[in-house]
Amino acid sequence: LPIVNENDTVAVNELKVGDNDNLAAYVALVAEADTLIICSDIDGL
């Protein structure tokens, strides 16, 4: 099970994606996934 996170230990602002929602979207593109599931603390939009 790959577990991805932004490298907050070394990243500076200009190297940061900034939030893990958009990071997850980039990972979905790299991985050629067919689905992105964002688990939030709210039911949806």
ModelCIF file with pLDDT and N, C-alpha, C, O atoms, coordinates in Angstrom:
data_MODEL
#
_entry.id   MODEL 
#
_entity.id                         1 
_entity.type                       polymer 
_entity.pdbx_number_of_molecules   1 
#
_entity_poly.entity_id                      1 
_entity_poly.type                           'polypeptide(L)' 
_entity_poly.nstd_linkage                   no 
_entity_poly.nstd_monomer                   no 
_entity_poly.pdbx_seq_one_letter_code       LPIVNENDTVAVNELKVGDNDNLAAYVALVAEADTLIICSDIDGL 
_entity_poly.pdbx_seq_one_letter_code_can   LPIVNENDTVAVNELKVGDNDNLAAYVALVAEADTLIICSDIDGL 
_entity_poly.pdbx_strand_id                 A 
#
loop_
_entity_poly_seq.entity_id 
_entity_poly_seq.num 
_entity_poly_seq.mon_id 
_entity_poly_seq.hetero 
1 1  LEU n 
1 2  PRO n 
1 3  ILE n 
1 4  VAL n 
1 5  ASN n 
1 6  GLU n 
1 7  ASN n 
1 8  ASP n 
1 9  THR n 
1 10 VAL n 
1 11 ALA n 
1 12 VAL n 
1 13 ASN n 
1 14 GLU n 
1 15 LEU n 
1 16 LYS n 
1 17 VAL n 
1 18 GLY n 
1 19 ASP n 
1 20 ASN n 
1 21 ASP n 
1 22 ASN n 
1 23 LEU n 
1 24 ALA n 
1 25 ALA n 
1 26 TYR n 
1 27 VAL n 
1 28 ALA n 
1 29 LEU n 
1 30 VAL n 
1 31 ALA n 
1 32 GLU n 
1 33 ALA n 
1 34 ASP n 
1 35 THR n 
1 36 LEU n 
1 37 ILE n 
1 38 ILE n 
1 39 CYS n 
1 40 SER n 
1 41 ASP n 
1 42 ILE n 
1 43 ASP n 
1 44 GLY n 
1 45 LEU n 
#
_struct_asym.id          A 
_struct_asym.entity_id   1 
#
loop_
_ma_qa_metric.id 
_ma_qa_metric.mode 
_ma_qa_metric.name 
_ma_qa_metric.software_group_id 
_ma_qa_metric.type 
1 global pLDDT . pLDDT 
2 local  pLDDT . pLDDT 
#
_ma_qa_metric_global.metric_id      1 
_ma_qa_metric_global.metric_value   83.49 
_ma_qa_metric_global.model_id       1 
_ma_qa_metric_global.ordinal_id     1 
#
loop_
_ma_qa_metric_local.label_asym_id 
_ma_qa_metric_local.label_comp_id 
_ma_qa_metric_local.label_seq_id 
_ma_qa_metric_local.metric_id 
_ma_qa_metric_local.metric_value 
_ma_qa_metric_local.model_id 
_ma_qa_metric_local.ordinal_id 
A LEU 1  2 97.00 1 1  
A PRO 2  2 97.00 1 2  
A ILE 3  2 96.00 1 3  
A VAL 4  2 95.00 1 4  
A ASN 5  2 90.00 1 5  
A GLU 6  2 85.00 1 6  
A ASN 7  2 81.00 1 7  
A ASP 8  2 66.00 1 8  
A THR 9  2 65.00 1 9  
A VAL 10 2 65.00 1 10 
A ALA 11 2 58.00 1 11 
A VAL 12 2 55.00 1 12 
A ASN 13 2 56.00 1 13 
A GLU 14 2 46.00 1 14 
A LEU 15 2 46.00 1 15 
A LYS 16 2 58.00 1 16 
A VAL 17 2 62.00 1 17 
A GLY 18 2 64.00 1 18 
A ASP 19 2 81.00 1 19 
A ASN 20 2 87.00 1 20 
A ASP 21 2 91.00 1 21 
A ASN 22 2 89.00 1 22 
A LEU 23 2 91.00 1 23 
A ALA 24 2 94.00 1 24 
A ALA 25 2 92.00 1 25 
A TYR 26 2 91.00 1 26 
A VAL 27 2 93.00 1 27 
A ALA 28 2 93.00 1 28 
A LEU 29 2 90.00 1 29 
A VAL 30 2 90.00 1 30 
A ALA 31 2 92.00 1 31 
A GLU 32 2 90.00 1 32 
A ALA 33 2 94.00 1 33 
A ASP 34 2 94.00 1 34 
A THR 35 2 96.00 1 35 
A LEU 36 2 97.00 1 36 
A ILE 37 2 97.00 1 37 
A ILE 38 2 97.00 1 38 
A CYS 39 2 95.00 1 39 
A SER 40 2 90.00 1 40 
A ASP 41 2 87.00 1 41 
A ILE 42 2 88.00 1 42 
A ASP 43 2 92.00 1 43 
A GLY 44 2 92.00 1 44 
A LEU 45 2 92.00 1 45 
#
loop_
_atom_site.group_PDB 
_atom_site.id 
_atom_site.type_symbol 
_atom_site.label_atom_id 
_atom_site.label_alt_id 
_atom_site.label_comp_id 
_atom_site.label_asym_id 
_atom_site.label_entity_id 
_atom_site.label_seq_id 
_atom_site.pdbx_PDB_ins_code 
_atom_site.Cartn_x 
_atom_site.Cartn_y 
_atom_site.Cartn_z 
_atom_site.occupancy 
_atom_site.B_iso_or_equiv 
_atom_site.pdbx_formal_charge 
_atom_site.auth_seq_id 
_atom_site.auth_comp_id 
_atom_site.auth_asym_id 
_atom_site.auth_atom_id 
_atom_site.pdbx_PDB_model_num 
ATOM 1   N N  . LEU A 1 1  ? 0.849   -1.190 0.000   1.00 97.00 ? 1  LEU A N  1 
ATOM 2   C CA . LEU A 1 1  ? 0.000   0.000  0.000   1.00 97.00 ? 1  LEU A CA 1 
ATOM 3   C C  . LEU A 1 1  ? 0.883   1.238  0.000   1.00 97.00 ? 1  LEU A C  1 
ATOM 4   O O  . LEU A 1 1  ? 1.499   1.538  1.023   1.00 97.00 ? 1  LEU A O  1 
ATOM 5   N N  . PRO A 1 2  ? 0.970   1.974  -1.117  1.00 97.00 ? 2  PRO A N  1 
ATOM 6   C CA . PRO A 1 2  ? 1.750   3.209  -1.120  1.00 97.00 ? 2  PRO A CA 1 
ATOM 7   C C  . PRO A 1 2  ? 1.032   4.278  -0.279  1.00 97.00 ? 2  PRO A C  1 
ATOM 8   O O  . PRO A 1 2  ? -0.165  4.509  -0.448  1.00 97.00 ? 2  PRO A O  1 
ATOM 9   N N  . ILE A 1 3  ? 1.777   4.925  0.628   1.00 96.00 ? 3  ILE A N  1 
ATOM 10  C CA . ILE A 1 3  ? 1.235   6.014  1.436   1.00 96.00 ? 3  ILE A CA 1 
ATOM 11  C C  . ILE A 1 3  ? 2.059   7.258  1.127   1.00 96.00 ? 3  ILE A C  1 
ATOM 12  O O  . ILE A 1 3  ? 3.245   7.326  1.451   1.00 96.00 ? 3  ILE A O  1 
ATOM 13  N N  . VAL A 1 4  ? 1.419   8.241  0.496   1.00 95.00 ? 4  VAL A N  1 
ATOM 14  C CA . VAL A 1 4  ? 2.096   9.424  -0.019  1.00 95.00 ? 4  VAL A CA 1 
ATOM 15  C C  . VAL A 1 4  ? 1.791   10.626 0.878   1.00 95.00 ? 4  VAL A C  1 
ATOM 16  O O  . VAL A 1 4  ? 0.671   10.790 1.361   1.00 95.00 ? 4  VAL A O  1 
ATOM 17  N N  . ASN A 1 5  ? 2.799   11.450 1.086   1.00 90.00 ? 5  ASN A N  1 
ATOM 18  C CA . ASN A 1 5  ? 2.595   12.709 1.795   1.00 90.00 ? 5  ASN A CA 1 
ATOM 19  C C  . ASN A 1 5  ? 3.561   13.736 1.219   1.00 90.00 ? 5  ASN A C  1 
ATOM 20  O O  . ASN A 1 5  ? 4.576   13.377 0.624   1.00 90.00 ? 5  ASN A O  1 
ATOM 21  N N  . GLU A 1 6  ? 3.240   15.015 1.399   1.00 85.00 ? 6  GLU A N  1 
ATOM 22  C CA . GLU A 1 6  ? 4.192   16.047 1.010   1.00 85.00 ? 6  GLU A CA 1 
ATOM 23  C C  . GLU A 1 6  ? 5.391   15.981 1.952   1.00 85.00 ? 6  GLU A C  1 
ATOM 24  O O  . GLU A 1 6  ? 5.237   15.722 3.146   1.00 85.00 ? 6  GLU A O  1 
ATOM 25  N N  . ASN A 1 7  ? 6.579   16.214 1.414   1.00 81.00 ? 7  ASN A N  1 
ATOM 26  C CA . ASN A 1 7  ? 7.790   16.127 2.218   1.00 81.00 ? 7  ASN A CA 1 
ATOM 27  C C  . ASN A 1 7  ? 7.964   17.409 3.035   1.00 81.00 ? 7  ASN A C  1 
ATOM 28  O O  . ASN A 1 7  ? 8.805   18.252 2.720   1.00 81.00 ? 7  ASN A O  1 
ATOM 29  N N  . ASP A 1 8  ? 7.157   17.537 4.083   1.00 66.00 ? 8  ASP A N  1 
ATOM 30  C CA . ASP A 1 8  ? 7.159   18.757 4.902   1.00 66.00 ? 8  ASP A CA 1 
ATOM 31  C C  . ASP A 1 8  ? 8.458   18.960 5.668   1.00 66.00 ? 8  ASP A C  1 
ATOM 32  O O  . ASP A 1 8  ? 8.730   20.064 6.140   1.00 66.00 ? 8  ASP A O  1 
ATOM 33  N N  . THR A 1 9  ? 9.262   17.911 5.797   1.00 65.00 ? 9  THR A N  1 
ATOM 34  C CA . THR A 1 9  ? 10.511  18.032 6.555   1.00 65.00 ? 9  THR A CA 1 
ATOM 35  C C  . THR A 1 9  ? 11.520  18.896 5.834   1.00 65.00 ? 9  THR A C  1 
ATOM 36  O O  . THR A 1 9  ? 12.303  19.593 6.479   1.00 65.00 ? 9  THR A O  1 
ATOM 37  N N  . VAL A 1 10 ? 11.523  18.868 4.496   1.00 65.00 ? 10 VAL A N  1 
ATOM 38  C CA . VAL A 1 10 ? 12.533  19.612 3.740   1.00 65.00 ? 10 VAL A CA 1 
ATOM 39  C C  . VAL A 1 10 ? 11.947  20.668 2.805   1.00 65.00 ? 10 VAL A C  1 
ATOM 40  O O  . VAL A 1 10 ? 12.661  21.580 2.387   1.00 65.00 ? 10 VAL A O  1 
ATOM 41  N N  . ALA A 1 11 ? 10.656  20.561 2.470   1.00 58.00 ? 11 ALA A N  1 
ATOM 42  C CA . ALA A 1 11 ? 10.073  21.460 1.463   1.00 58.00 ? 11 ALA A CA 1 
ATOM 43  C C  . ALA A 1 11 ? 9.989   22.887 1.982   1.00 58.00 ? 11 ALA A C  1 
ATOM 44  O O  . ALA A 1 11 ? 9.593   23.129 3.122   1.00 58.00 ? 11 ALA A O  1 
ATOM 45  N N  . VAL A 1 12 ? 10.367  23.818 1.131   1.00 55.00 ? 12 VAL A N  1 
ATOM 46  C CA . VAL A 1 12 ? 10.147  25.237 1.420   1.00 55.00 ? 12 VAL A CA 1 
ATOM 47  C C  . VAL A 1 12 ? 8.988   25.690 0.540   1.00 55.00 ? 12 VAL A C  1 
ATOM 48  O O  . VAL A 1 12 ? 8.548   24.962 -0.350  1.00 55.00 ? 12 VAL A O  1 
ATOM 49  N N  . ASN A 1 13 ? 8.499   26.906 0.802   1.00 56.00 ? 13 ASN A N  1 
ATOM 50  C CA . ASN A 1 13 ? 7.262   27.341 0.157   1.00 56.00 ? 13 ASN A CA 1 
ATOM 51  C C  . ASN A 1 13 ? 7.267   27.187 -1.354  1.00 56.00 ? 13 ASN A C  1 
ATOM 52  O O  . ASN A 1 13 ? 6.269   26.762 -1.936  1.00 56.00 ? 13 ASN A O  1 
ATOM 53  N N  . GLU A 1 14 ? 8.389   27.529 -2.002  1.00 46.00 ? 14 GLU A N  1 
ATOM 54  C CA . GLU A 1 14 ? 8.396   27.478 -3.461  1.00 46.00 ? 14 GLU A CA 1 
ATOM 55  C C  . GLU A 1 14 ? 8.422   26.045 -3.991  1.00 46.00 ? 14 GLU A C  1 
ATOM 56  O O  . GLU A 1 14 ? 8.206   25.825 -5.183  1.00 46.00 ? 14 GLU A O  1 
ATOM 57  N N  . LEU A 1 15 ? 8.682   25.072 -3.121  1.00 46.00 ? 15 LEU A N  1 
ATOM 58  C CA . LEU A 1 15 ? 8.709   23.671 -3.548  1.00 46.00 ? 15 LEU A CA 1 
ATOM 59  C C  . LEU A 1 15 ? 7.481   22.897 -3.067  1.00 46.00 ? 15 LEU A C  1 
ATOM 60  O O  . LEU A 1 15 ? 7.386   21.690 -3.291  1.00 46.00 ? 15 LEU A O  1 
ATOM 61  N N  . LYS A 1 16 ? 6.551   23.573 -2.415  1.00 58.00 ? 16 LYS A N  1 
ATOM 62  C CA . LYS A 1 16 ? 5.401   22.887 -1.849  1.00 58.00 ? 16 LYS A CA 1 
ATOM 63  C C  . LYS A 1 16 ? 4.219   22.879 -2.818  1.00 58.00 ? 16 LYS A C  1 
ATOM 64  O O  . LYS A 1 16 ? 3.963   23.860 -3.517  1.00 58.00 ? 16 LYS A O  1 
ATOM 65  N N  . VAL A 1 17 ? 3.509   21.756 -2.843  1.00 62.00 ? 17 VAL A N  1 
ATOM 66  C CA . VAL A 1 17 ? 2.221   21.730 -3.538  1.00 62.00 ? 17 VAL A CA 1 
ATOM 67  C C  . VAL A 1 17 ? 1.260   22.633 -2.779  1.00 62.00 ? 17 VAL A C  1 
ATOM 68  O O  . VAL A 1 17 ? 0.456   23.350 -3.374  1.00 62.00 ? 17 VAL A O  1 
ATOM 69  N N  . GLY A 1 18 ? 1.361   22.584 -1.431  1.00 64.00 ? 18 GLY A N  1 
ATOM 70  C CA . GLY A 1 18 ? 0.593   23.507 -0.602  1.00 64.00 ? 18 GLY A CA 1 
ATOM 71  C C  . GLY A 1 18 ? -0.535  22.861 0.164   1.00 64.00 ? 18 GLY A C  1 
ATOM 72  O O  . GLY A 1 18 ? -0.820  23.256 1.295   1.00 64.00 ? 18 GLY A O  1 
ATOM 73  N N  . ASP A 1 19 ? -1.185  21.875 -0.428  1.00 81.00 ? 19 ASP A N  1 
ATOM 74  C CA . ASP A 1 19 ? -2.242  21.158 0.280   1.00 81.00 ? 19 ASP A CA 1 
ATOM 75  C C  . ASP A 1 19 ? -2.328  19.756 -0.304  1.00 81.00 ? 19 ASP A C  1 
ATOM 76  O O  . ASP A 1 19 ? -1.978  19.527 -1.462  1.00 81.00 ? 19 ASP A O  1 
ATOM 77  N N  . ASN A 1 20 ? -2.796  18.829 0.511   1.00 87.00 ? 20 ASN A N  1 
ATOM 78  C CA . ASN A 1 20 ? -2.789  17.430 0.077   1.00 87.00 ? 20 ASN A CA 1 
ATOM 79  C C  . ASN A 1 20 ? -3.980  17.058 -0.788  1.00 87.00 ? 20 ASN A C  1 
ATOM 80  O O  . ASN A 1 20 ? -4.001  15.963 -1.349  1.00 87.00 ? 20 ASN A O  1 
ATOM 81  N N  . ASP A 1 21 ? -4.975  17.934 -0.916  1.00 91.00 ? 21 ASP A N  1 
ATOM 82  C CA . ASP A 1 21 ? -6.042  17.678 -1.892  1.00 91.00 ? 21 ASP A CA 1 
ATOM 83  C C  . ASP A 1 21 ? -5.461  17.734 -3.301  1.00 91.00 ? 21 ASP A C  1 
ATOM 84  O O  . ASP A 1 21 ? -5.657  16.822 -4.104  1.00 91.00 ? 21 ASP A O  1 
ATOM 85  N N  . ASN A 1 22 ? -4.743  18.823 -3.589  1.00 89.00 ? 22 ASN A N  1 
ATOM 86  C CA . ASN A 1 22 ? -4.124  18.956 -4.906  1.00 89.00 ? 22 ASN A CA 1 
ATOM 87  C C  . ASN A 1 22 ? -2.987  17.963 -5.090  1.00 89.00 ? 22 ASN A C  1 
ATOM 88  O O  . ASN A 1 22 ? -2.770  17.476 -6.200  1.00 89.00 ? 22 ASN A O  1 
ATOM 89  N N  . LEU A 1 23 ? -2.257  17.654 -4.022  1.00 91.00 ? 23 LEU A N  1 
ATOM 90  C CA . LEU A 1 23 ? -1.234  16.615 -4.113  1.00 91.00 ? 23 LEU A CA 1 
ATOM 91  C C  . LEU A 1 23 ? -1.872  15.286 -4.528  1.00 91.00 ? 23 LEU A C  1 
ATOM 92  O O  . LEU A 1 23 ? -1.332  14.565 -5.367  1.00 91.00 ? 23 LEU A O  1 
ATOM 93  N N  . ALA A 1 24 ? -3.023  14.970 -3.932  1.00 94.00 ? 24 ALA A N  1 
ATOM 94  C CA . ALA A 1 24 ? -3.720  13.726 -4.269  1.00 94.00 ? 24 ALA A CA 1 
ATOM 95  C C  . ALA A 1 24 ? -4.136  13.704 -5.734  1.00 94.00 ? 24 ALA A C  1 
ATOM 96  O O  . ALA A 1 24 ? -4.100  12.656 -6.378  1.00 94.00 ? 24 ALA A O  1 
ATOM 97  N N  . ALA A 1 25 ? -4.534  14.865 -6.260  1.00 92.00 ? 25 ALA A N  1 
ATOM 98  C CA . ALA A 1 25 ? -4.899  14.939 -7.678  1.00 92.00 ? 25 ALA A CA 1 
ATOM 99  C C  . ALA A 1 25 ? -3.686  14.650 -8.557  1.00 92.00 ? 25 ALA A C  1 
ATOM 100 O O  . ALA A 1 25 ? -3.787  13.916 -9.540  1.00 92.00 ? 25 ALA A O  1 
ATOM 101 N N  . TYR A 1 26 ? -2.539  15.228 -8.204  1.00 91.00 ? 26 TYR A N  1 
ATOM 102 C CA . TYR A 1 26 ? -1.316  14.963 -8.969  1.00 91.00 ? 26 TYR A CA 1 
ATOM 103 C C  . TYR A 1 26 ? -0.934  13.482 -8.891  1.00 91.00 ? 26 TYR A C  1 
ATOM 104 O O  . TYR A 1 26 ? -0.519  12.890 -9.888  1.00 91.00 ? 26 TYR A O  1 
ATOM 105 N N  . VAL A 1 27 ? -1.076  12.893 -7.710  1.00 93.00 ? 27 VAL A N  1 
ATOM 106 C CA . VAL A 1 27 ? -0.757  11.474 -7.554  1.00 93.00 ? 27 VAL A CA 1 
ATOM 107 C C  . VAL A 1 27 ? -1.690  10.619 -8.408  1.00 93.00 ? 27 VAL A C  1 
ATOM 108 O O  . VAL A 1 27 ? -1.255  9.638  -9.011  1.00 93.00 ? 27 VAL A O  1 
ATOM 109 N N  . ALA A 1 28 ? -2.974  10.987 -8.462  1.00 93.00 ? 28 ALA A N  1 
ATOM 110 C CA . ALA A 1 28 ? -3.922  10.257 -9.296  1.00 93.00 ? 28 ALA A CA 1 
ATOM 111 C C  . ALA A 1 28 ? -3.519  10.312 -10.763 1.00 93.00 ? 28 ALA A C  1 
ATOM 112 O O  . ALA A 1 28 ? -3.668  9.331  -11.491 1.00 93.00 ? 28 ALA A O  1 
ATOM 113 N N  . LEU A 1 29 ? -3.008  11.467 -11.196 1.00 90.00 ? 29 LEU A N  1 
ATOM 114 C CA . LEU A 1 29 ? -2.556  11.621 -12.577 1.00 90.00 ? 29 LEU A CA 1 
ATOM 115 C C  . LEU A 1 29 ? -1.303  10.787 -12.835 1.00 90.00 ? 29 LEU A C  1 
ATOM 116 O O  . LEU A 1 29 ? -1.212  10.086 -13.842 1.00 90.00 ? 29 LEU A O  1 
ATOM 117 N N  . VAL A 1 30 ? -0.333  10.869 -11.912 1.00 90.00 ? 30 VAL A N  1 
ATOM 118 C CA . VAL A 1 30 ? 0.904   10.103 -12.070 1.00 90.00 ? 30 VAL A CA 1 
ATOM 119 C C  . VAL A 1 30 ? 0.614   8.602  -12.091 1.00 90.00 ? 30 VAL A C  1 
ATOM 120 O O  . VAL A 1 30 ? 1.165   7.864  -12.908 1.00 90.00 ? 30 VAL A O  1 
ATOM 121 N N  . ALA A 1 31 ? -0.255  8.165  -11.186 1.00 92.00 ? 31 ALA A N  1 
ATOM 122 C CA . ALA A 1 31 ? -0.545  6.741  -11.032 1.00 92.00 ? 31 ALA A CA 1 
ATOM 123 C C  . ALA A 1 31 ? -1.514  6.212  -12.083 1.00 92.00 ? 31 ALA A C  1 
ATOM 124 O O  . ALA A 1 31 ? -1.772  5.010  -12.149 1.00 92.00 ? 31 ALA A O  1 
ATOM 125 N N  . GLU A 1 32 ? -2.054  7.122  -12.913 1.00 90.00 ? 32 GLU A N  1 
ATOM 126 C CA . GLU A 1 32 ? -3.058  6.750  -13.911 1.00 90.00 ? 32 GLU A CA 1 
ATOM 127 C C  . GLU A 1 32 ? -4.237  6.022  -13.239 1.00 90.00 ? 32 GLU A C  1 
ATOM 128 O O  . GLU A 1 32 ? -4.730  5.003  -13.723 1.00 90.00 ? 32 GLU A O  1 
ATOM 129 N N  . ALA A 1 33 ? -4.659  6.592  -12.109 1.00 94.00 ? 33 ALA A N  1 
ATOM 130 C CA . ALA A 1 33 ? -5.834  6.077  -11.407 1.00 94.00 ? 33 ALA A CA 1 
ATOM 131 C C  . ALA A 1 33 ? -7.088  6.458  -12.183 1.00 94.00 ? 33 ALA A C  1 
ATOM 132 O O  . ALA A 1 33 ? -7.072  7.402  -12.972 1.00 94.00 ? 33 ALA A O  1 
ATOM 133 N N  . ASP A 1 34 ? -8.171  5.728  -11.959 1.00 94.00 ? 34 ASP A N  1 
ATOM 134 C CA . ASP A 1 34 ? -9.445  6.111  -12.578 1.00 94.00 ? 34 ASP A CA 1 
ATOM 135 C C  . ASP A 1 34 ? -10.337 6.868  -11.604 1.00 94.00 ? 34 ASP A C  1 
ATOM 136 O O  . ASP A 1 34 ? -11.373 7.408  -11.990 1.00 94.00 ? 34 ASP A O  1 
ATOM 137 N N  . THR A 1 35 ? -9.921  6.905  -10.319 1.00 96.00 ? 35 THR A N  1 
ATOM 138 C CA . THR A 1 35 ? -10.772 7.507  -9.286  1.00 96.00 ? 35 THR A CA 1 
ATOM 139 C C  . THR A 1 35 ? -9.925  8.191  -8.218  1.00 96.00 ? 35 THR A C  1 
ATOM 140 O O  . THR A 1 35 ? -8.880  7.681  -7.814  1.00 96.00 ? 35 THR A O  1 
ATOM 141 N N  . LEU A 1 36 ? -10.394 9.356  -7.768  1.00 97.00 ? 36 LEU A N  1 
ATOM 142 C CA . LEU A 1 36 ? -9.848  10.027 -6.589  1.00 97.00 ? 36 LEU A CA 1 
ATOM 143 C C  . LEU A 1 36 ? -10.962 10.112 -5.557  1.00 97.00 ? 36 LEU A C  1 
ATOM 144 O O  . LEU A 1 36 ? -12.047 10.621 -5.839  1.00 97.00 ? 36 LEU A O  1 
ATOM 145 N N  . ILE A 1 37 ? -10.684 9.607  -4.354  1.00 97.00 ? 37 ILE A N  1 
ATOM 146 C CA . ILE A 1 37 ? -11.657 9.656  -3.256  1.00 97.00 ? 37 ILE A CA 1 
ATOM 147 C C  . ILE A 1 37 ? -11.080 10.536 -2.158  1.00 97.00 ? 37 ILE A C  1 
ATOM 148 O O  . ILE A 1 37 ? -10.075 10.184 -1.540  1.00 97.00 ? 37 ILE A O  1 
ATOM 149 N N  . ILE A 1 38 ? -11.712 11.681 -1.913  1.00 97.00 ? 38 ILE A N  1 
ATOM 150 C CA . ILE A 1 38 ? -11.260 12.607 -0.881  1.00 97.00 ? 38 ILE A CA 1 
ATOM 151 C C  . ILE A 1 38 ? -12.109 12.413 0.368   1.00 97.00 ? 38 ILE A C  1 
ATOM 152 O O  . ILE A 1 38 ? -13.306 12.704 0.370   1.00 97.00 ? 38 ILE A O  1 
ATOM 153 N N  . CYS A 1 39 ? -11.479 11.920 1.430   1.00 95.00 ? 39 CYS A N  1 
ATOM 154 C CA . CYS A 1 39 ? -12.171 11.728 2.704   1.00 95.00 ? 39 CYS A CA 1 
ATOM 155 C C  . CYS A 1 39 ? -12.066 13.017 3.507   1.00 95.00 ? 39 CYS A C  1 
ATOM 156 O O  . CYS A 1 39 ? -10.975 13.438 3.890   1.00 95.00 ? 39 CYS A O  1 
ATOM 157 N N  . SER A 1 40 ? -13.208 13.632 3.754   1.00 90.00 ? 40 SER A N  1 
ATOM 158 C CA . SER A 1 40 ? -13.257 14.916 4.436   1.00 90.00 ? 40 SER A CA 1 
ATOM 159 C C  . SER A 1 40 ? -13.937 14.755 5.794   1.00 90.00 ? 40 SER A C  1 
ATOM 160 O O  . SER A 1 40 ? -14.229 13.639 6.224   1.00 90.00 ? 40 SER A O  1 
ATOM 161 N N  . ASP A 1 41 ? -14.184 15.884 6.464   1.00 87.00 ? 41 ASP A N  1 
ATOM 162 C CA . ASP A 1 41 ? -14.947 15.855 7.712   1.00 87.00 ? 41 ASP A CA 1 
ATOM 163 C C  . ASP A 1 41 ? -16.361 16.388 7.471   1.00 87.00 ? 41 ASP A C  1 
ATOM 164 O O  . ASP A 1 41 ? -17.052 16.805 8.400   1.00 87.00 ? 41 ASP A O  1 
ATOM 165 N N  . ILE A 1 42 ? -16.771 16.364 6.204   1.00 88.00 ? 42 ILE A N  1 
ATOM 166 C CA . ILE A 1 42 ? -18.098 16.811 5.805   1.00 88.00 ? 42 ILE A CA 1 
ATOM 167 C C  . ILE A 1 42 ? -18.608 15.849 4.724   1.00 88.00 ? 42 ILE A C  1 
ATOM 168 O O  . ILE A 1 42 ? -17.812 15.187 4.058   1.00 88.00 ? 42 ILE A O  1 
ATOM 169 N N  . ASP A 1 43 ? -19.927 15.771 4.549   1.00 92.00 ? 43 ASP A N  1 
ATOM 170 C CA . ASP A 1 43 ? -20.509 14.744 3.682   1.00 92.00 ? 43 ASP A CA 1 
ATOM 171 C C  . ASP A 1 43 ? -20.212 14.930 2.204   1.00 92.00 ? 43 ASP A C  1 
ATOM 172 O O  . ASP A 1 43 ? -20.278 13.966 1.441   1.00 92.00 ? 43 ASP A O  1 
ATOM 173 N N  . GLY A 1 44 ? -19.887 16.146 1.779   1.00 92.00 ? 44 GLY A N  1 
ATOM 174 C CA . GLY A 1 44 ? -19.641 16.416 0.365   1.00 92.00 ? 44 GLY A CA 1 
ATOM 175 C C  . GLY A 1 44 ? -19.817 17.891 0.091   1.00 92.00 ? 44 GLY A C  1 
ATOM 176 O O  . GLY A 1 44 ? -19.666 18.721 0.987   1.00 92.00 ? 44 GLY A O  1 
ATOM 177 N N  . LEU A 1 45 ? -20.138 18.217 -1.156  1.00 92.00 ? 45 LEU A N  1 
ATOM 178 C CA . LEU A 1 45 ? -20.382 19.601 -1.545  1.00 92.00 ? 45 LEU A CA 1 
ATOM 179 C C  . LEU A 1 45 ? -21.867 19.917 -1.371  1.00 92.00 ? 45 LEU A C  1 
ATOM 180 O O  . LEU A 1 45 ? -22.296 21.039 -1.644  1.00 92.00 ? 45 LEU A O  1 
#
